[in-house]
């Protein structure tokens, strides 16, 4: 056994990884498969929201008296 027995850690969550079952990311670092999947999902969603065009809101002018008449239940 080597005197330099350093455990490898997932750079996303910081927990120790087993080198036999871990995955390697695009930078060559050890990661848990689940941690990497969540990271990619968040990055994808963040990019989608960043590039999304803002919605145009349509404002309708409503007469408050008309709205109140529709909201009240009819009385016999």
PDB file of N, CA and C in Angstrom:
ATOM      1  N   UNK A   1       0.854  -1.187   0.000  1.00  0.00           N
ATOM      2  CA  UNK A   1       0.000   0.000   0.000  1.00  0.00           C
ATOM      3  C   UNK A   1       0.892   1.239   0.000  1.00  0.00           C
ATOM      4  N   UNK A   2       0.538   2.208  -0.781  1.00  0.00           N
ATOM      5  CA  UNK A   2       1.319   3.436  -0.899  1.00  0.00           C
ATOM      6  C   UNK A   2       1.153   4.310   0.340  1.00  0.00           C
ATOM      7  N   UNK A   3       2.195   5.090   0.639  1.00  0.00           N
ATOM      8  CA  UNK A   3       2.094   6.005   1.774  1.00  0.00           C
ATOM      9  C   UNK A   3       1.199   7.199   1.439  1.00  0.00           C
ATOM     10  N   UNK A   4       0.934   7.418   0.167  1.00  0.00           N
ATOM     11  CA  UNK A   4       0.069   8.522  -0.265  1.00  0.00           C
ATOM     12  C   UNK A   4      -1.307   7.961  -0.599  1.00  0.00           C
ATOM     13  N   UNK A   5      -2.045   7.634   0.413  1.00  0.00           N
ATOM     14  CA  UNK A   5      -3.368   7.048   0.227  1.00  0.00           C
ATOM     15  C   UNK A   5      -4.410   8.148   0.395  1.00  0.00           C
ATOM     16  N   UNK A   6      -4.596   8.971  -0.644  1.00  0.00           N
ATOM     17  CA  UNK A   6      -5.536  10.085  -0.594  1.00  0.00           C
ATOM     18  C   UNK A   6      -6.879   9.631  -1.158  1.00  0.00           C
ATOM     19  N   UNK A   7      -7.953   9.827  -0.413  1.00  0.00           N
ATOM     20  CA  UNK A   7      -9.271   9.496  -0.982  1.00  0.00           C
ATOM     21  C   UNK A   7      -9.654  10.520  -2.058  1.00  0.00           C
ATOM     22  N   UNK A   8     -10.334  10.055  -3.047  1.00  0.00           N
ATOM     23  CA  UNK A   8     -10.824  10.953  -4.092  1.00  0.00           C
ATOM     24  C   UNK A   8     -12.213  11.437  -3.707  1.00  0.00           C
ATOM     25  N   UNK A   9     -12.473  12.693  -4.000  1.00  0.00           N
ATOM     26  CA  UNK A   9     -13.756  13.306  -3.640  1.00  0.00           C
ATOM     27  C   UNK A   9     -14.474  13.786  -4.891  1.00  0.00           C
ATOM     28  N   UNK A  10     -15.771  13.714  -4.844  1.00  0.00           N
ATOM     29  CA  UNK A  10     -16.622  14.282  -5.893  1.00  0.00           C
ATOM     30  C   UNK A  10     -16.521  15.796  -5.766  1.00  0.00           C
ATOM     31  N   UNK A  11     -16.145  16.482  -6.826  1.00  0.00           N
ATOM     32  CA  UNK A  11     -15.970  17.935  -6.740  1.00  0.00           C
ATOM     33  C   UNK A  11     -17.306  18.662  -6.637  1.00  0.00           C
ATOM     34  N   UNK A  12     -18.407  17.984  -6.908  1.00  0.00           N
ATOM     35  CA  UNK A  12     -19.723  18.623  -6.829  1.00  0.00           C
ATOM     36  C   UNK A  12     -20.254  18.593  -5.400  1.00  0.00           C
ATOM     37  N   UNK A  13     -20.260  17.418  -4.774  1.00  0.00           N
ATOM     38  CA  UNK A  13     -20.835  17.313  -3.425  1.00  0.00           C
ATOM     39  C   UNK A  13     -19.778  17.266  -2.327  1.00  0.00           C
ATOM     40  N   UNK A  14     -18.529  16.955  -2.677  1.00  0.00           N
ATOM     41  CA  UNK A  14     -17.460  16.922  -1.696  1.00  0.00           C
ATOM     42  C   UNK A  14     -17.309  15.609  -0.956  1.00  0.00           C
ATOM     43  N   UNK A  15     -18.161  14.637  -1.239  1.00  0.00           N
ATOM     44  CA  UNK A  15     -18.074  13.336  -0.569  1.00  0.00           C
ATOM     45  C   UNK A  15     -17.094  12.429  -1.312  1.00  0.00           C
ATOM     46  N   UNK A  16     -16.579  11.457  -0.598  1.00  0.00           N
ATOM     47  CA  UNK A  16     -15.629  10.512  -1.162  1.00  0.00           C
ATOM     48  C   UNK A  16     -16.296   9.667  -2.246  1.00  0.00           C
ATOM     49  N   UNK A  17     -15.532   9.368  -3.296  1.00  0.00           N
ATOM     50  CA  UNK A  17     -16.046   8.528  -4.385  1.00  0.00           C
ATOM     51  C   UNK A  17     -15.223   7.251  -4.472  1.00  0.00           C
ATOM     52  N   UNK A  18     -15.854   6.191  -4.897  1.00  0.00           N
ATOM     53  CA  UNK A  18     -15.171   4.924  -5.147  1.00  0.00           C
ATOM     54  C   UNK A  18     -14.685   4.965  -6.595  1.00  0.00           C
ATOM     55  N   UNK A  19     -13.384   4.827  -6.793  1.00  0.00           N
ATOM     56  CA  UNK A  19     -12.835   4.941  -8.142  1.00  0.00           C
ATOM     57  C   UNK A  19     -13.306   3.831  -9.069  1.00  0.00           C
ATOM     58  N   UNK A  20     -13.823   2.745  -8.522  1.00  0.00           N
ATOM     59  CA  UNK A  20     -14.322   1.655  -9.366  1.00  0.00           C
ATOM     60  C   UNK A  20     -15.704   1.956  -9.926  1.00  0.00           C
ATOM     61  N   UNK A  21     -16.486   2.772  -9.227  1.00  0.00           N
ATOM     62  CA  UNK A  21     -17.864   3.031  -9.656  1.00  0.00           C
ATOM     63  C   UNK A  21     -18.126   4.479 -10.034  1.00  0.00           C
ATOM     64  N   UNK A  22     -17.179   5.379  -9.806  1.00  0.00           N
ATOM     65  CA  UNK A  22     -17.427   6.792 -10.096  1.00  0.00           C
ATOM     66  C   UNK A  22     -17.365   7.056 -11.595  1.00  0.00           C
ATOM     67  N   UNK A  23     -17.790   8.224 -11.979  1.00  0.00           N
ATOM     68  CA  UNK A  23     -17.724   8.673 -13.365  1.00  0.00           C
ATOM     69  C   UNK A  23     -16.687   9.779 -13.445  1.00  0.00           C
ATOM     70  N   UNK A  24     -16.230  10.065 -14.641  1.00  0.00           N
ATOM     71  CA  UNK A  24     -15.248  11.122 -14.875  1.00  0.00           C
ATOM     72  C   UNK A  24     -15.920  12.197 -15.715  1.00  0.00           C
ATOM     73  N   UNK A  25     -15.838  13.465 -15.271  1.00  0.00           N
ATOM     74  CA  UNK A  25     -16.475  14.555 -16.013  1.00  0.00           C
ATOM     75  C   UNK A  25     -15.590  15.020 -17.162  1.00  0.00           C
ATOM     76  N   UNK A  26     -16.030  16.077 -17.854  1.00  0.00           N
ATOM     77  CA  UNK A  26     -15.321  16.575 -19.027  1.00  0.00           C
ATOM     78  C   UNK A  26     -13.947  17.157 -18.703  1.00  0.00           C
ATOM     79  N   UNK A  27     -13.686  17.460 -17.433  1.00  0.00           N
ATOM     80  CA  UNK A  27     -12.381  17.988 -17.010  1.00  0.00           C
ATOM     81  C   UNK A  27     -11.475  16.890 -16.456  1.00  0.00           C
ATOM     82  N   UNK A  28     -11.952  15.654 -16.434  1.00  0.00           N
ATOM     83  CA  UNK A  28     -11.167  14.537 -15.939  1.00  0.00           C
ATOM     84  C   UNK A  28     -11.241  14.355 -14.438  1.00  0.00           C
ATOM     85  N   UNK A  29     -12.221  14.951 -13.783  1.00  0.00           N
ATOM     86  CA  UNK A  29     -12.375  14.845 -12.336  1.00  0.00           C
ATOM     87  C   UNK A  29     -13.421  13.796 -11.986  1.00  0.00           C
ATOM     88  N   UNK A  30     -13.192  13.123 -10.852  1.00  0.00           N
ATOM     89  CA  UNK A  30     -14.114  12.083 -10.398  1.00  0.00           C
ATOM     90  C   UNK A  30     -15.383  12.717  -9.837  1.00  0.00           C
ATOM     91  N   UNK A  31     -16.531  12.164 -10.237  1.00  0.00           N
ATOM     92  CA  UNK A  31     -17.824  12.642  -9.743  1.00  0.00           C
ATOM     93  C   UNK A  31     -18.764  11.460  -9.561  1.00  0.00           C
ATOM     94  N   UNK A  32     -19.749  11.636  -8.677  1.00  0.00           N
ATOM     95  CA  UNK A  32     -20.838  10.656  -8.596  1.00  0.00           C
ATOM     96  C   UNK A  32     -21.719  10.848  -9.824  1.00  0.00           C
ATOM     97  N   UNK A  33     -22.249   9.775 -10.333  1.00  0.00           N
ATOM     98  CA  UNK A  33     -23.114   9.857 -11.514  1.00  0.00           C
ATOM     99  C   UNK A  33     -24.341  10.724 -11.235  1.00  0.00           C
ATOM    100  N   UNK A  34     -24.957  10.561 -10.061  1.00  0.00           N
ATOM    101  CA  UNK A  34     -26.145  11.350  -9.718  1.00  0.00           C
ATOM    102  C   UNK A  34     -25.814  12.833  -9.581  1.00  0.00           C
ATOM    103  N   UNK A  35     -24.675  13.147  -8.970  1.00  0.00           N
ATOM    104  CA  UNK A  35     -24.274  14.552  -8.812  1.00  0.00           C
ATOM    105  C   UNK A  35     -24.099  15.212 -10.174  1.00  0.00           C
ATOM    106  N   UNK A  36     -23.445  14.493 -11.086  1.00  0.00           N
ATOM    107  CA  UNK A  36     -23.197  15.053 -12.408  1.00  0.00           C
ATOM    108  C   UNK A  36     -24.496  15.238 -13.186  1.00  0.00           C
ATOM    109  N   UNK A  37     -25.424  14.290 -13.050  1.00  0.00           N
ATOM    110  CA  UNK A  37     -26.709  14.402 -13.743  1.00  0.00           C
ATOM    111  C   UNK A  37     -27.474  15.636 -13.264  1.00  0.00           C
ATOM    112  N   UNK A  38     -27.468  15.881 -11.954  1.00  0.00           N
ATOM    113  CA  UNK A  38     -28.155  17.056 -11.408  1.00  0.00           C
ATOM    114  C   UNK A  38     -27.470  18.339 -11.878  1.00  0.00           C
ATOM    115  N   UNK A  39     -26.142  18.361 -11.885  1.00  0.00           N
ATOM    116  CA  UNK A  39     -25.396  19.538 -12.339  1.00  0.00           C
ATOM    117  C   UNK A  39     -25.733  19.868 -13.789  1.00  0.00           C
ATOM    118  N   UNK A  40     -25.755  18.853 -14.640  1.00  0.00           N
ATOM    119  CA  UNK A  40     -26.069  19.067 -16.060  1.00  0.00           C
ATOM    120  C   UNK A  40     -27.506  19.544 -16.223  1.00  0.00           C
ATOM    121  N   UNK A  41     -28.429  18.980 -15.457  1.00  0.00           N
ATOM    122  CA  UNK A  41     -29.834  19.398 -15.547  1.00  0.00           C
ATOM    123  C   UNK A  41     -29.998  20.858 -15.134  1.00  0.00           C
ATOM    124  N   UNK A  42     -29.333  21.267 -14.039  1.00  0.00           N
ATOM    125  CA  UNK A  42     -29.413  22.660 -13.601  1.00  0.00           C
ATOM    126  C   UNK A  42     -28.789  23.599 -14.625  1.00  0.00           C
ATOM    127  N   UNK A  43     -27.654  23.209 -15.184  1.00  0.00           N
ATOM    128  CA  UNK A  43     -26.989  24.052 -16.184  1.00  0.00           C
ATOM    129  C   UNK A  43     -27.853  24.205 -17.431  1.00  0.00           C
ATOM    130  N   UNK A  44     -28.497  23.121 -17.844  1.00  0.00           N
ATOM    131  CA  UNK A  44     -29.370  23.165 -19.015  1.00  0.00           C
ATOM    132  C   UNK A  44     -30.571  24.075 -18.767  1.00  0.00           C
ATOM    133  N   UNK A  45     -31.183  23.952 -17.598  1.00  0.00           N
ATOM    134  CA  UNK A  45     -32.345  24.782 -17.262  1.00  0.00           C
ATOM    135  C   UNK A  45     -31.941  26.245 -17.140  1.00  0.00           C
ATOM    136  N   UNK A  46     -30.784  26.518 -16.547  1.00  0.00           N
ATOM    137  CA  UNK A  46     -30.316  27.898 -16.412  1.00  0.00           C
ATOM    138  C   UNK A  46     -30.079  28.518 -17.786  1.00  0.00           C
ATOM    139  N   UNK A  47     -29.506  27.757 -18.704  1.00  0.00           N
ATOM    140  CA  UNK A  47     -29.264  28.271 -20.052  1.00  0.00           C
ATOM    141  C   UNK A  47     -30.583  28.504 -20.777  1.00  0.00           C
ATOM    142  N   UNK A  48     -31.547  27.611 -20.575  1.00  0.00           N
ATOM    143  CA  UNK A  48     -32.850  27.785 -21.221  1.00  0.00           C
ATOM    144  C   UNK A  48     -33.533  29.055 -20.724  1.00  0.00           C
ATOM    145  N   UNK A  49     -33.473  29.293 -19.422  1.00  0.00           N
ATOM    146  CA  UNK A  49     -34.101  30.488 -18.860  1.00  0.00           C
ATOM    147  C   UNK A  49     -33.368  31.757 -19.272  1.00  0.00           C
ATOM    148  N   UNK A  50     -32.059  31.667 -19.426  1.00  0.00           N
ATOM    149  CA  UNK A  50     -31.260  32.834 -19.811  1.00  0.00           C
ATOM    150  C   UNK A  50     -31.552  33.262 -21.245  1.00  0.00           C
ATOM    151  N   UNK A  51     -31.793  32.303 -22.118  1.00  0.00           N
ATOM    152  CA  UNK A  51     -32.004  32.619 -23.529  1.00  0.00           C
ATOM    153  C   UNK A  51     -33.477  32.807 -23.884  1.00  0.00           C
ATOM    154  N   UNK A  52     -34.367  32.572 -22.931  1.00  0.00           N
ATOM    155  CA  UNK A  52     -35.803  32.704 -23.194  1.00  0.00           C
ATOM    156  C   UNK A  52     -36.182  34.171 -23.329  1.00  0.00           C
ATOM    157  N   UNK A  53     -36.989  34.454 -24.303  1.00  0.00           N
ATOM    158  CA  UNK A  53     -37.480  35.817 -24.481  1.00  0.00           C
ATOM    159  C   UNK A  53     -38.580  36.093 -23.470  1.00  0.00           C
ATOM    160  N   UNK A  54     -38.625  37.306 -22.928  1.00  0.00           N
ATOM    161  CA  UNK A  54     -39.683  37.618 -21.959  1.00  0.00           C
ATOM    162  C   UNK A  54     -41.055  37.605 -22.618  1.00  0.00           C
ATOM    163  N   UNK A  55     -42.028  37.182 -21.874  1.00  0.00           N
ATOM    164  CA  UNK A  55     -43.393  37.139 -22.380  1.00  0.00           C
ATOM    165  C   UNK A  55     -43.964  38.552 -22.434  1.00  0.00           C
ATOM    166  N   UNK A  56     -44.741  38.802 -23.462  1.00  0.00           N
ATOM    167  CA  UNK A  56     -45.423  40.090 -23.571  1.00  0.00           C
ATOM    168  C   UNK A  56     -46.782  39.956 -22.910  1.00  0.00           C
ATOM    169  N   UNK A  57     -47.024  40.793 -21.970  1.00  0.00           N
ATOM    170  CA  UNK A  57     -48.301  40.734 -21.265  1.00  0.00           C
ATOM    171  C   UNK A  57     -49.299  41.655 -21.945  1.00  0.00           C
ATOM    172  N   UNK A  58     -50.485  41.141 -22.135  1.00  0.00           N
ATOM    173  CA  UNK A  58     -51.558  41.910 -22.738  1.00  0.00           C
ATOM    174  C   UNK A  58     -52.420  42.446 -21.606  1.00  0.00           C
ATOM    175  N   UNK A  59     -52.574  43.732 -21.581  1.00  0.00           N
ATOM    176  CA  UNK A  59     -53.394  44.338 -20.534  1.00  0.00           C
ATOM    177  C   UNK A  59     -54.763  44.671 -21.095  1.00  0.00           C
ATOM    178  N   UNK A  60     -55.757  44.196 -20.401  1.00  0.00           N
ATOM    179  CA  UNK A  60     -57.135  44.477 -20.787  1.00  0.00           C
ATOM    180  C   UNK A  60     -57.694  45.507 -19.817  1.00  0.00           C
ATOM    181  N   UNK A  61     -58.352  46.489 -20.369  1.00  0.00           N
ATOM    182  CA  UNK A  61     -59.014  47.472 -19.524  1.00  0.00           C
ATOM    183  C   UNK A  61     -60.416  46.950 -19.258  1.00  0.00           C
ATOM    184  N   UNK A  62     -60.701  46.737 -17.991  1.00  0.00           N
ATOM    185  CA  UNK A  62     -61.987  46.168 -17.608  1.00  0.00           C
ATOM    186  C   UNK A  62     -62.721  47.174 -16.738  1.00  0.00           C
ATOM    187  N   UNK A  63     -63.991  47.359 -17.045  1.00  0.00           N
ATOM    188  CA  UNK A  63     -64.830  48.223 -16.227  1.00  0.00           C
ATOM    189  C   UNK A  63     -65.093  47.502 -14.905  1.00  0.00           C
ATOM    190  N   UNK A  64     -64.718  48.068 -13.747  1.00  0.00           N
ATOM    191  CA  UNK A  64     -64.888  47.383 -12.466  1.00  0.00           C
ATOM    192  C   UNK A  64     -66.347  47.028 -12.169  1.00  0.00           C
ATOM    193  N   UNK A  65     -67.287  47.814 -12.636  1.00  0.00           N
ATOM    194  CA  UNK A  65     -68.701  47.517 -12.393  1.00  0.00           C
ATOM    195  C   UNK A  65     -69.137  46.253 -13.122  1.00  0.00           C
ATOM    196  N   UNK A  66     -68.632  46.045 -14.305  1.00  0.00           N
ATOM    197  CA  UNK A  66     -68.975  44.847 -15.065  1.00  0.00           C
ATOM    198  C   UNK A  66     -68.385  43.625 -14.378  1.00  0.00           C
ATOM    199  N   UNK A  67     -67.159  43.728 -13.903  1.00  0.00           N
ATOM    200  CA  UNK A  67     -66.510  42.596 -13.234  1.00  0.00           C
ATOM    201  C   UNK A  67     -67.258  42.236 -11.956  1.00  0.00           C
ATOM    202  N   UNK A  68     -67.729  43.204 -11.201  1.00  0.00           N
ATOM    203  CA  UNK A  68     -68.457  42.928  -9.974  1.00  0.00           C
ATOM    204  C   UNK A  68     -69.798  42.253 -10.258  1.00  0.00           C
ATOM    205  N   UNK A  69     -70.467  42.664 -11.317  1.00  0.00           N
ATOM    206  CA  UNK A  69     -71.739  42.055 -11.654  1.00  0.00           C
ATOM    207  C   UNK A  69     -71.571  40.584 -12.007  1.00  0.00           C
ATOM    208  N   UNK A  70     -70.482  40.228 -12.667  1.00  0.00           N
ATOM    209  CA  UNK A  70     -70.264  38.843 -13.052  1.00  0.00           C
ATOM    210  C   UNK A  70     -69.853  38.009 -11.837  1.00  0.00           C
ATOM    211  N   UNK A  71     -69.210  38.616 -10.875  1.00  0.00           N
ATOM    212  CA  UNK A  71     -68.693  37.865  -9.732  1.00  0.00           C
ATOM    213  C   UNK A  71     -69.764  37.570  -8.705  1.00  0.00           C
ATOM    214  N   UNK A  72     -70.796  38.400  -8.600  1.00  0.00           N
ATOM    215  CA  UNK A  72     -71.837  38.205  -7.602  1.00  0.00           C
ATOM    216  C   UNK A  72     -72.804  37.120  -8.022  1.00  0.00           C
ATOM    217  N   UNK A  73     -73.177  36.263  -7.074  1.00  0.00           N
ATOM    218  CA  UNK A  73     -74.198  35.239  -7.434  1.00  0.00           C
ATOM    219  C   UNK A  73     -75.563  35.930  -7.582  1.00  0.00           C
ATOM    220  N   UNK A  74     -76.337  35.392  -8.455  1.00  0.00           N
ATOM    221  CA  UNK A  74     -77.666  35.985  -8.682  1.00  0.00           C
ATOM    222  C   UNK A  74     -78.580  35.635  -7.523  1.00  0.00           C
ATOM    223  N   UNK A  75     -79.386  36.611  -7.097  1.00  0.00           N
ATOM    224  CA  UNK A  75     -80.349  36.389  -6.001  1.00  0.00           C
ATOM    225  C   UNK A  75     -81.741  36.436  -6.585  1.00  0.00           C
ATOM    226  N   UNK A  76     -82.611  35.526  -6.150  1.00  0.00           N
ATOM    227  CA  UNK A  76     -83.979  35.500  -6.713  1.00  0.00           C
ATOM    228  C   UNK A  76     -84.852  36.599  -6.171  1.00  0.00           C
TER     229      UNK A  76
END
